[in-house]
Amino acid sequence: MRTLAIGDIHGCLTALETLVAEVGVQKTDTFITLGDYVDRGPDSKGVIDFLLDLSRKCELIHLGGNHEVMMLGARKSRSLLTSWLGFGGDATLDSYGSSFDDVPEEHWQFINSARAFHETASHFFVHANAHPKKPLIEQSEDALFWEPFGTPKPHVSGKTMICGHTSQRTGNPKNLGHAICIDTFVYGDGWLTCLHAGSGKFWQANQQGKKRTGQIKTFLE
């Protein structure tokens, strides 16, 4: 049984397909995706189609990110729509057609059903961050979806936090020991990262179809 976390995808289907093929999929795997499936990259629709298919092959736990929050808000408010389009929402609409009417209901269900966090015996998974002194159930939406990674203190649970949201533009994960950020800037010139929480091995792929692997302990600060 493997617990595998994938960082922010941002519409980068080629990187996602390459990465998952390299990692392999077993029925006993649990993939935890950390949110930000949409915006900026060229194929948000394809990304969600791919993840829906993946959910039929193994356990998929999908968290929501701030870009899903913005997309849901944009569906209801013209002013929020204008803001969202400026944060990469235009690329998302282009991938579907031209309007929210082109988004399949199954995709809205996927976005609406995203979790705010997930935890195991040794790790917890969030999109952005977590207040170190509050249990996960008491975290604010601001912390979970919007707060930059920075240098968070160890969480009161004693578990290791795995998150995305804050782009590591070096293309390398940021590892503080008690907290690991795996948003590695795939929509720019970086990589999409999948981290095996148990072993610390990670795999990466980019939009050019290139691949590489490593150990998270290499980047311990």
C-alpha atoms as a PDB file:
ATOM      1  CA  MET A   1       0.000   0.000   0.000  1.00  0.00           C
ATOM      2  CA  ARG A   2       1.392   3.383  -1.040  1.00  0.00           C
ATOM      3  CA  THR A   3       0.280   6.856  -0.011  1.00  0.00           C
ATOM      4  CA  LEU A   4       1.201   9.176  -2.873  1.00  0.00           C
ATOM      5  CA  ALA A   5       0.723  12.950  -2.885  1.00  0.00           C
ATOM      6  CA  ILE A   6       0.628  14.980  -6.105  1.00  0.00           C
ATOM      7  CA  GLY A   7       1.191  18.735  -6.045  1.00  0.00           C
ATOM      8  CA  ASP A   8      -0.585  21.523  -7.920  1.00  0.00           C
ATOM      9  CA  ILE A   9      -1.403  20.410 -11.487  1.00  0.00           C
ATOM     10  CA  HIS A  10      -2.809  23.643 -12.982  1.00  0.00           C
ATOM     11  CA  GLY A  11      -4.158  22.206 -16.204  1.00  0.00           C
ATOM     12  CA  CYS A  12      -0.874  20.520 -17.154  1.00  0.00           C
ATOM     13  CA  LEU A  13      -2.233  17.234 -18.475  1.00  0.00           C
ATOM     14  CA  THR A  14       0.925  16.088 -20.285  1.00  0.00           C
ATOM     15  CA  ALA A  15       2.948  16.303 -17.077  1.00  0.00           C
ATOM     16  CA  LEU A  16       0.213  14.517 -15.115  1.00  0.00           C
ATOM     17  CA  GLU A  17      -0.111  11.662 -17.598  1.00  0.00           C
ATOM     18  CA  THR A  18       3.671  11.240 -17.764  1.00  0.00           C
ATOM     19  CA  LEU A  19       4.031  11.343 -13.977  1.00  0.00           C
ATOM     20  CA  VAL A  20       1.324   8.807 -13.184  1.00  0.00           C
ATOM     21  CA  ALA A  21       2.592   6.444 -15.885  1.00  0.00           C
ATOM     22  CA  GLU A  22       6.055   6.627 -14.328  1.00  0.00           C
ATOM     23  CA  VAL A  23       4.800   6.068 -10.765  1.00  0.00           C
ATOM     24  CA  GLY A  24       2.431   3.303 -11.858  1.00  0.00           C
ATOM     25  CA  VAL A  25      -1.032   2.637 -10.476  1.00  0.00           C
ATOM     26  CA  GLN A  26      -1.902  -0.261  -8.171  1.00  0.00           C
ATOM     27  CA  LYS A  27      -5.349  -0.976  -6.769  1.00  0.00           C
ATOM     28  CA  THR A  28      -3.950  -0.656  -3.245  1.00  0.00           C
ATOM     29  CA  ASP A  29      -2.524   2.837  -3.889  1.00  0.00           C
ATOM     30  CA  THR A  30      -3.969   5.969  -2.342  1.00  0.00           C
ATOM     31  CA  PHE A  31      -3.317   9.070  -4.438  1.00  0.00           C
ATOM     32  CA  ILE A  32      -3.867  12.374  -2.636  1.00  0.00           C
ATOM     33  CA  THR A  33      -4.044  15.357  -4.959  1.00  0.00           C
ATOM     34  CA  LEU A  34      -3.458  18.683  -3.240  1.00  0.00           C
ATOM     35  CA  GLY A  35      -5.749  20.945  -5.262  1.00  0.00           C
ATOM     36  CA  ASP A  36      -5.341  23.571  -7.994  1.00  0.00           C
ATOM     37  CA  TYR A  37      -6.347  21.284 -10.837  1.00  0.00           C
ATOM     38  CA  VAL A  38      -7.499  24.205 -12.961  1.00  0.00           C
ATOM     39  CA  ASP A  39      -6.167  27.529 -14.334  1.00  0.00           C
ATOM     40  CA  ARG A  40      -2.988  28.678 -16.054  1.00  0.00           C
ATOM     41  CA  GLY A  41      -2.119  25.450 -17.892  1.00  0.00           C
ATOM     42  CA  PRO A  42      -3.677  24.458 -21.227  1.00  0.00           C
ATOM     43  CA  ASP A  43      -6.002  21.555 -20.335  1.00  0.00           C
ATOM     44  CA  SER A  44      -7.918  21.845 -17.067  1.00  0.00           C
ATOM     45  CA  LYS A  45     -10.752  19.803 -18.561  1.00  0.00           C
ATOM     46  CA  GLY A  46      -8.368  17.001 -19.487  1.00  0.00           C
ATOM     47  CA  VAL A  47      -6.854  17.014 -16.003  1.00  0.00           C
ATOM     48  CA  ILE A  48     -10.204  16.486 -14.296  1.00  0.00           C
ATOM     49  CA  ASP A  49     -11.190  13.816 -16.839  1.00  0.00           C
ATOM     50  CA  PHE A  50      -7.899  12.041 -16.106  1.00  0.00           C
ATOM     51  CA  LEU A  51      -8.417  12.203 -12.322  1.00  0.00           C
ATOM     52  CA  LEU A  52     -11.962  10.897 -12.593  1.00  0.00           C
ATOM     53  CA  ASP A  53     -10.584   7.942 -14.547  1.00  0.00           C
ATOM     54  CA  LEU A  54      -7.800   7.452 -11.983  1.00  0.00           C
ATOM     55  CA  SER A  55     -10.417   7.294  -9.208  1.00  0.00           C
ATOM     56  CA  ARG A  56     -11.791   4.140 -10.836  1.00  0.00           C
ATOM     57  CA  LYS A  57      -8.382   2.407 -10.678  1.00  0.00           C
ATOM     58  CA  CYS A  58      -7.327   3.151  -7.084  1.00  0.00           C
ATOM     59  CA  GLU A  59      -8.318   5.285  -4.119  1.00  0.00           C
ATOM     60  CA  LEU A  60      -8.196   8.975  -5.035  1.00  0.00           C
ATOM     61  CA  ILE A  61      -8.526  11.598  -2.311  1.00  0.00           C
ATOM     62  CA  HIS A  62      -8.760  15.006  -3.934  1.00  0.00           C
ATOM     63  CA  LEU A  63      -8.334  18.174  -1.930  1.00  0.00           C
ATOM     64  CA  GLY A  64      -9.548  21.576  -3.035  1.00  0.00           C
ATOM     65  CA  GLY A  65      -7.237  24.484  -3.744  1.00  0.00           C
ATOM     66  CA  ASN A  66      -7.697  28.228  -3.899  1.00  0.00           C
ATOM     67  CA  HIS A  67      -8.136  28.078  -7.674  1.00  0.00           C
ATOM     68  CA  GLU A  68     -11.142  25.775  -7.272  1.00  0.00           C
ATOM     69  CA  VAL A  69     -12.471  28.218  -4.656  1.00  0.00           C
ATOM     70  CA  MET A  70     -12.095  31.041  -7.175  1.00  0.00           C
ATOM     71  CA  MET A  71     -13.731  29.042  -9.955  1.00  0.00           C
ATOM     72  CA  LEU A  72     -16.763  28.238  -7.816  1.00  0.00           C
ATOM     73  CA  GLY A  73     -17.059  31.874  -6.806  1.00  0.00           C
ATOM     74  CA  ALA A  74     -16.728  33.041 -10.402  1.00  0.00           C
ATOM     75  CA  ARG A  75     -19.681  30.877 -11.382  1.00  0.00           C
ATOM     76  CA  LYS A  76     -21.906  32.920  -9.064  1.00  0.00           C
ATOM     77  CA  SER A  77     -20.520  36.463  -9.287  1.00  0.00           C
ATOM     78  CA  ARG A  78     -19.588  38.656 -12.255  1.00  0.00           C
ATOM     79  CA  SER A  79     -17.031  40.592 -10.190  1.00  0.00           C
ATOM     80  CA  LEU A  80     -15.412  37.361  -8.989  1.00  0.00           C
ATOM     81  CA  LEU A  81     -15.480  36.079 -12.572  1.00  0.00           C
ATOM     82  CA  THR A  82     -13.392  39.045 -13.726  1.00  0.00           C
ATOM     83  CA  SER A  83     -10.890  38.423 -10.949  1.00  0.00           C
ATOM     84  CA  TRP A  84     -10.687  34.675 -11.647  1.00  0.00           C
ATOM     85  CA  LEU A  85     -10.097  35.192 -15.354  1.00  0.00           C
ATOM     86  CA  GLY A  86      -7.047  37.271 -14.448  1.00  0.00           C
ATOM     87  CA  PHE A  87      -5.639  34.418 -12.344  1.00  0.00           C
ATOM     88  CA  GLY A  88      -5.646  31.871 -15.148  1.00  0.00           C
ATOM     89  CA  GLY A  89      -9.358  31.185 -15.351  1.00  0.00           C
ATOM     90  CA  ASP A  90      -9.346  32.232 -19.002  1.00  0.00           C
ATOM     91  CA  ALA A  91      -7.248  29.148 -19.833  1.00  0.00           C
ATOM     92  CA  THR A  92      -9.703  26.968 -17.938  1.00  0.00           C
ATOM     93  CA  LEU A  93     -12.727  28.246 -19.858  1.00  0.00           C
ATOM     94  CA  ASP A  94     -10.816  27.833 -23.123  1.00  0.00           C
ATOM     95  CA  SER A  95     -10.204  24.174 -22.304  1.00  0.00           C
ATOM     96  CA  TYR A  96     -13.954  23.567 -21.915  1.00  0.00           C
ATOM     97  CA  GLY A  97     -15.222  25.737 -24.731  1.00  0.00           C
ATOM     98  CA  SER A  98     -16.169  29.272 -23.867  1.00  0.00           C
ATOM     99  CA  SER A  99     -18.455  29.370 -20.824  1.00  0.00           C
ATOM    100  CA  PHE A 100     -19.434  27.617 -17.599  1.00  0.00           C
ATOM    101  CA  ASP A 101     -22.286  25.983 -19.528  1.00  0.00           C
ATOM    102  CA  ASP A 102     -19.635  23.825 -21.240  1.00  0.00           C
ATOM    103  CA  VAL A 103     -18.380  22.372 -17.934  1.00  0.00           C
ATOM    104  CA  PRO A 104     -19.834  18.856 -17.428  1.00  0.00           C
ATOM    105  CA  GLU A 105     -21.889  18.321 -14.275  1.00  0.00           C
ATOM    106  CA  GLU A 106     -19.504  15.529 -13.281  1.00  0.00           C
ATOM    107  CA  HIS A 107     -16.689  18.086 -13.185  1.00  0.00           C
ATOM    108  CA  TRP A 108     -18.691  20.446 -10.963  1.00  0.00           C
ATOM    109  CA  GLN A 109     -19.365  17.510  -8.650  1.00  0.00           C
ATOM    110  CA  PHE A 110     -15.647  16.723  -8.548  1.00  0.00           C
ATOM    111  CA  ILE A 111     -14.795  20.313  -7.609  1.00  0.00           C
ATOM    112  CA  ASN A 112     -17.603  20.641  -5.062  1.00  0.00           C
ATOM    113  CA  SER A 113     -16.729  17.352  -3.364  1.00  0.00           C
ATOM    114  CA  ALA A 114     -13.062  18.235  -2.786  1.00  0.00           C
ATOM    115  CA  ARG A 115     -11.882  17.856   0.804  1.00  0.00           C
ATOM    116  CA  ALA A 116     -10.196  20.584   2.828  1.00  0.00           C
ATOM    117  CA  PHE A 117      -7.613  18.190   4.330  1.00  0.00           C
ATOM    118  CA  HIS A 118      -6.687  14.557   4.815  1.00  0.00           C
ATOM    119  CA  GLU A 119      -4.602  12.862   7.487  1.00  0.00           C
ATOM    120  CA  THR A 120      -2.966   9.522   8.141  1.00  0.00           C
ATOM    121  CA  ALA A 121      -1.206   8.176  11.228  1.00  0.00           C
ATOM    122  CA  SER A 122       2.006  10.029  10.334  1.00  0.00           C
ATOM    123  CA  HIS A 123       1.131  12.822   7.867  1.00  0.00           C
ATOM    124  CA  PHE A 124      -1.535  15.344   7.062  1.00  0.00           C
ATOM    125  CA  PHE A 125      -2.245  16.857   3.674  1.00  0.00           C
ATOM    126  CA  VAL A 126      -3.567  20.343   2.915  1.00  0.00           C
ATOM    127  CA  HIS A 127      -3.492  22.624  -0.083  1.00  0.00           C
ATOM    128  CA  ALA A 128      -1.729  25.638   1.396  1.00  0.00           C
ATOM    129  CA  ASN A 129      -0.880  25.595   5.099  1.00  0.00           C
ATOM    130  CA  ALA A 130      -2.154  24.986   8.627  1.00  0.00           C
ATOM    131  CA  HIS A 131      -2.005  26.928  11.887  1.00  0.00           C
ATOM    132  CA  PRO A 132       0.472  24.988  14.065  1.00  0.00           C
ATOM    133  CA  LYS A 133      -1.586  25.130  17.282  1.00  0.00           C
ATOM    134  CA  LYS A 134      -5.012  24.236  15.879  1.00  0.00           C
ATOM    135  CA  PRO A 135      -6.324  20.772  15.014  1.00  0.00           C
ATOM    136  CA  LEU A 136      -7.195  20.356  11.356  1.00  0.00           C
ATOM    137  CA  ILE A 137     -10.944  20.497  11.950  1.00  0.00           C
ATOM    138  CA  GLU A 138     -10.506  24.006  13.429  1.00  0.00           C
ATOM    139  CA  GLN A 139      -8.349  25.438  10.638  1.00  0.00           C
ATOM    140  CA  SER A 140      -9.555  28.560   8.838  1.00  0.00           C
ATOM    141  CA  GLU A 141     -10.204  28.573   5.097  1.00  0.00           C
ATOM    142  CA  ASP A 142      -7.580  31.295   4.818  1.00  0.00           C
ATOM    143  CA  ALA A 143      -4.914  28.972   6.237  1.00  0.00           C
ATOM    144  CA  LEU A 144      -5.979  25.875   4.324  1.00  0.00           C
ATOM    145  CA  PHE A 145      -6.415  27.488   0.902  1.00  0.00           C
ATOM    146  CA  TRP A 146      -4.503  30.763   0.784  1.00  0.00           C
ATOM    147  CA  GLU A 147      -1.650  31.075   3.290  1.00  0.00           C
ATOM    148  CA  PRO A 148       1.878  30.955   1.767  1.00  0.00           C
ATOM    149  CA  PHE A 149       4.196  28.167   2.910  1.00  0.00           C
ATOM    150  CA  GLY A 150       6.955  30.320   4.425  1.00  0.00           C
ATOM    151  CA  THR A 151       8.582  28.627   7.415  1.00  0.00           C
ATOM    152  CA  PRO A 152       5.701  27.001   9.315  1.00  0.00           C
ATOM    153  CA  LYS A 153       6.273  25.678  12.818  1.00  0.00           C
ATOM    154  CA  PRO A 154       5.666  22.009  13.651  1.00  0.00           C
ATOM    155  CA  HIS A 155       2.010  21.123  13.993  1.00  0.00           C
ATOM    156  CA  VAL A 156       0.527  20.261  17.380  1.00  0.00           C
ATOM    157  CA  SER A 157      -0.380  16.797  16.071  1.00  0.00           C
ATOM    158  CA  GLY A 158       3.287  15.907  15.623  1.00  0.00           C
ATOM    159  CA  LYS A 159       2.512  14.819  12.057  1.00  0.00           C
ATOM    160  CA  THR A 160       4.373  15.902   8.933  1.00  0.00           C
ATOM    161  CA  MET A 161       2.485  18.400   6.761  1.00  0.00           C
ATOM    162  CA  ILE A 162       2.518  17.885   2.996  1.00  0.00           C
ATOM    163  CA  CYS A 163       1.154  20.804   0.996  1.00  0.00           C
ATOM    164  CA  GLY A 164       1.280  22.692  -2.275  1.00  0.00           C
ATOM    165  CA  HIS A 165       0.102  26.219  -3.190  1.00  0.00           C
ATOM    166  CA  THR A 166       3.413  28.077  -2.869  1.00  0.00           C
ATOM    167  CA  SER A 167       5.316  27.576  -6.123  1.00  0.00           C
ATOM    168  CA  GLN A 168       8.908  26.428  -5.619  1.00  0.00           C
ATOM    169  CA  ARG A 169      10.324  27.985  -8.749  1.00  0.00           C
ATOM    170  CA  THR A 170      13.563  26.033  -8.484  1.00  0.00           C
ATOM    171  CA  GLY A 171      11.508  22.994  -9.471  1.00  0.00           C
ATOM    172  CA  ASN A 172      12.589  21.241  -6.258  1.00  0.00           C
ATOM    173  CA  PRO A 173      10.384  20.411  -3.257  1.00  0.00           C
ATOM    174  CA  LYS A 174      10.935  22.438  -0.085  1.00  0.00           C
ATOM    175  CA  ASN A 175      11.543  20.156   2.891  1.00  0.00           C
ATOM    176  CA  LEU A 176      11.602  21.492   6.447  1.00  0.00           C
ATOM    177  CA  GLY A 177      11.362  18.026   7.959  1.00  0.00           C
ATOM    178  CA  HIS A 178       8.023  18.614   9.681  1.00  0.00           C
ATOM    179  CA  ALA A 179       6.559  20.317   6.595  1.00  0.00           C
ATOM    180  CA  ILE A 180       7.062  19.643   2.868  1.00  0.00           C
ATOM    181  CA  CYS A 181       5.838  21.743  -0.052  1.00  0.00           C
ATOM    182  CA  ILE A 182       5.521  19.918  -3.381  1.00  0.00           C
ATOM    183  CA  ASP A 183       4.171  22.664  -5.637  1.00  0.00           C
ATOM    184  CA  THR A 184       7.113  22.712  -8.023  1.00  0.00           C
ATOM    185  CA  PHE A 185       5.871  25.177 -10.658  1.00  0.00           C
ATOM    186  CA  VAL A 186       4.724  22.824 -13.395  1.00  0.00           C
ATOM    187  CA  TYR A 187       2.744  25.499 -15.234  1.00  0.00           C
ATOM    188  CA  GLY A 188       5.917  27.588 -15.542  1.00  0.00           C
ATOM    189  CA  ASP A 189       9.221  25.974 -16.373  1.00  0.00           C
ATOM    190  CA  GLY A 190       9.187  23.582 -13.414  1.00  0.00           C
ATOM    191  CA  TRP A 191       7.891  20.103 -12.653  1.00  0.00           C
ATOM    192  CA  LEU A 192       4.875  18.218 -11.340  1.00  0.00           C
ATOM    193  CA  THR A 193       5.811  16.231  -8.236  1.00  0.00           C
ATOM    194  CA  CYS A 194       4.476  13.003  -6.725  1.00  0.00           C
ATOM    195  CA  LEU A 195       5.790  12.147  -3.244  1.00  0.00           C
ATOM    196  CA  HIS A 196       5.609   8.719  -1.613  1.00  0.00           C
ATOM    197  CA  ALA A 197       4.877   9.715   1.972  1.00  0.00           C
ATOM    198  CA  GLY A 198       6.239   6.511   3.454  1.00  0.00           C
ATOM    199  CA  SER A 199       9.597   6.152   1.723  1.00  0.00           C
ATOM    200  CA  GLY A 200      10.335   9.766   0.829  1.00  0.00           C
ATOM    201  CA  LYS A 201      10.895   8.909  -2.814  1.00  0.00           C
ATOM    202  CA  PHE A 202       9.523  11.404  -5.301  1.00  0.00           C
ATOM    203  CA  TRP A 203       8.918  11.405  -9.027  1.00  0.00           C
ATOM    204  CA  GLN A 204       8.675  14.438 -11.289  1.00  0.00           C
ATOM    205  CA  ALA A 205       7.514  15.105 -14.843  1.00  0.00           C
ATOM    206  CA  ASN A 206       7.163  18.278 -16.896  1.00  0.00           C
ATOM    207  CA  GLN A 207       5.110  19.489 -19.829  1.00  0.00           C
ATOM    208  CA  GLN A 208       7.821  18.374 -22.258  1.00  0.00           C
ATOM    209  CA  GLY A 209       7.391  14.780 -21.081  1.00  0.00           C
ATOM    210  CA  LYS A 210      10.732  14.664 -19.247  1.00  0.00           C
ATOM    211  CA  LYS A 211      11.030  12.671 -16.005  1.00  0.00           C
ATOM    212  CA  ARG A 212      13.293  12.506 -12.987  1.00  0.00           C
ATOM    213  CA  THR A 213      13.290  10.992  -9.481  1.00  0.00           C
ATOM    214  CA  GLY A 214      14.874  11.692  -6.119  1.00  0.00           C
ATOM    215  CA  GLN A 215      14.639  11.410  -2.350  1.00  0.00           C
ATOM    216  CA  ILE A 216      12.969  14.144  -0.321  1.00  0.00           C
ATOM    217  CA  LYS A 217      15.685  13.931   2.364  1.00  0.00           C
ATOM    218  CA  THR A 218      18.088  15.420  -0.208  1.00  0.00           C
ATOM    219  CA  PHE A 219      16.323  18.778   0.223  1.00  0.00           C
ATOM    220  CA  LEU A 220      16.075  18.811   4.021  1.00  0.00           C
ATOM    221  CA  GLU A 221      16.792  22.311   5.299  1.00  0.00           C
END
